[in-house]
Amino acid sequence: MTEHKDPSMLYIIWSVLAAFFGVQNKANYDRDRAYVEKVGFRPYLIAGIILTLLFIFSVALVVKIVLASV
């Protein structure tokens, strides 16, 4: 396996967003897998939880705004 550079937090967030939509390419997947094997999945888990909560709160806010305008 080739040596990969450790991803930054911004890259991890971008990678989790790509996984949400199912558009991760093989090169990024391999880089993520190598990083997870090296340090564990905790950074991806934290980013996933934060992004999921942001999504839920965003949907709730949009629904609240729409219902308030009706």
Protein backbone atom coordinates (compact mmCIF):
# COMPACT_ATOMS: atom_id res chain seq x y z
CA MET A 1 0.00 0.00 0.00
CA THR A 2 1.23 3.50 -0.78
CA GLU A 3 2.02 6.02 1.92
CA HIS A 4 -0.71 8.65 2.42
CA LYS A 5 -0.48 12.05 4.05
CA ASP A 6 -2.62 12.46 7.17
CA PRO A 7 -5.82 14.35 6.37
CA SER A 8 -6.66 17.69 7.96
CA MET A 9 -9.90 18.21 9.88
CA LEU A 10 -11.35 20.04 6.87
CA TYR A 11 -10.57 17.03 4.69
CA ILE A 12 -12.21 14.69 7.23
CA ILE A 13 -15.36 16.84 7.21
CA TRP A 14 -15.34 16.88 3.40
CA SER A 15 -14.88 13.11 3.35
CA VAL A 16 -17.79 12.57 5.76
CA LEU A 17 -20.00 14.84 3.63
CA ALA A 18 -19.05 12.83 0.55
CA ALA A 19 -19.96 9.65 2.43
CA PHE A 20 -23.35 11.17 3.36
CA PHE A 21 -24.09 11.55 -0.35
CA GLY A 22 -22.34 8.34 -1.42
CA VAL A 23 -19.92 10.01 -3.83
CA GLN A 24 -16.57 9.02 -2.32
CA ASN A 25 -13.99 7.98 -4.92
CA LYS A 26 -11.60 5.06 -4.51
CA ALA A 27 -8.48 7.16 -3.91
CA ASN A 28 -10.12 9.11 -1.08
CA TYR A 29 -11.61 5.93 0.34
CA ASP A 30 -8.18 4.29 0.41
CA ARG A 31 -6.66 7.36 2.09
CA ASP A 32 -9.43 7.39 4.70
CA ARG A 33 -9.07 3.67 5.34
CA ALA A 34 -5.30 3.98 5.79
CA TYR A 35 -5.80 6.85 8.26
CA VAL A 36 -8.44 4.92 10.20
CA GLU A 37 -6.10 1.92 10.45
CA LYS A 38 -3.36 4.23 11.70
CA VAL A 39 -5.19 6.32 14.34
CA GLY A 40 -8.72 4.93 14.60
CA PHE A 41 -12.12 6.11 13.43
CA ARG A 42 -12.76 8.67 16.18
CA PRO A 43 -12.15 11.83 14.02
CA TYR A 44 -14.61 10.53 11.41
CA LEU A 45 -17.13 9.59 14.09
CA ILE A 46 -16.96 13.02 15.71
CA ALA A 47 -17.29 14.77 12.34
CA GLY A 48 -20.22 12.50 11.42
CA ILE A 49 -22.06 13.19 14.67
CA ILE A 50 -21.53 16.96 14.39
CA LEU A 51 -22.63 17.06 10.74
CA THR A 52 -25.68 14.90 11.50
CA LEU A 53 -26.72 17.21 14.33
CA LEU A 54 -26.22 20.26 12.10
CA PHE A 55 -28.40 18.63 9.45
CA ILE A 56 -31.16 17.81 11.96
CA PHE A 57 -31.13 21.32 13.42
CA SER A 58 -31.14 22.85 9.93
CA VAL A 59 -34.17 20.82 8.88
CA ALA A 60 -35.95 21.67 12.14
CA LEU A 61 -35.20 25.37 11.62
CA VAL A 62 -36.52 25.32 8.05
CA VAL A 63 -39.70 23.55 9.18
CA LYS A 64 -40.16 26.05 12.00
CA ILE A 65 -39.75 29.00 9.61
CA VAL A 66 -42.14 27.51 7.07
CA LEU A 67 -44.78 26.72 9.69
CA ALA A 68 -44.45 30.19 11.20
CA SER A 69 -45.14 31.80 7.82
CA VAL A 70 -48.32 29.78 7.18
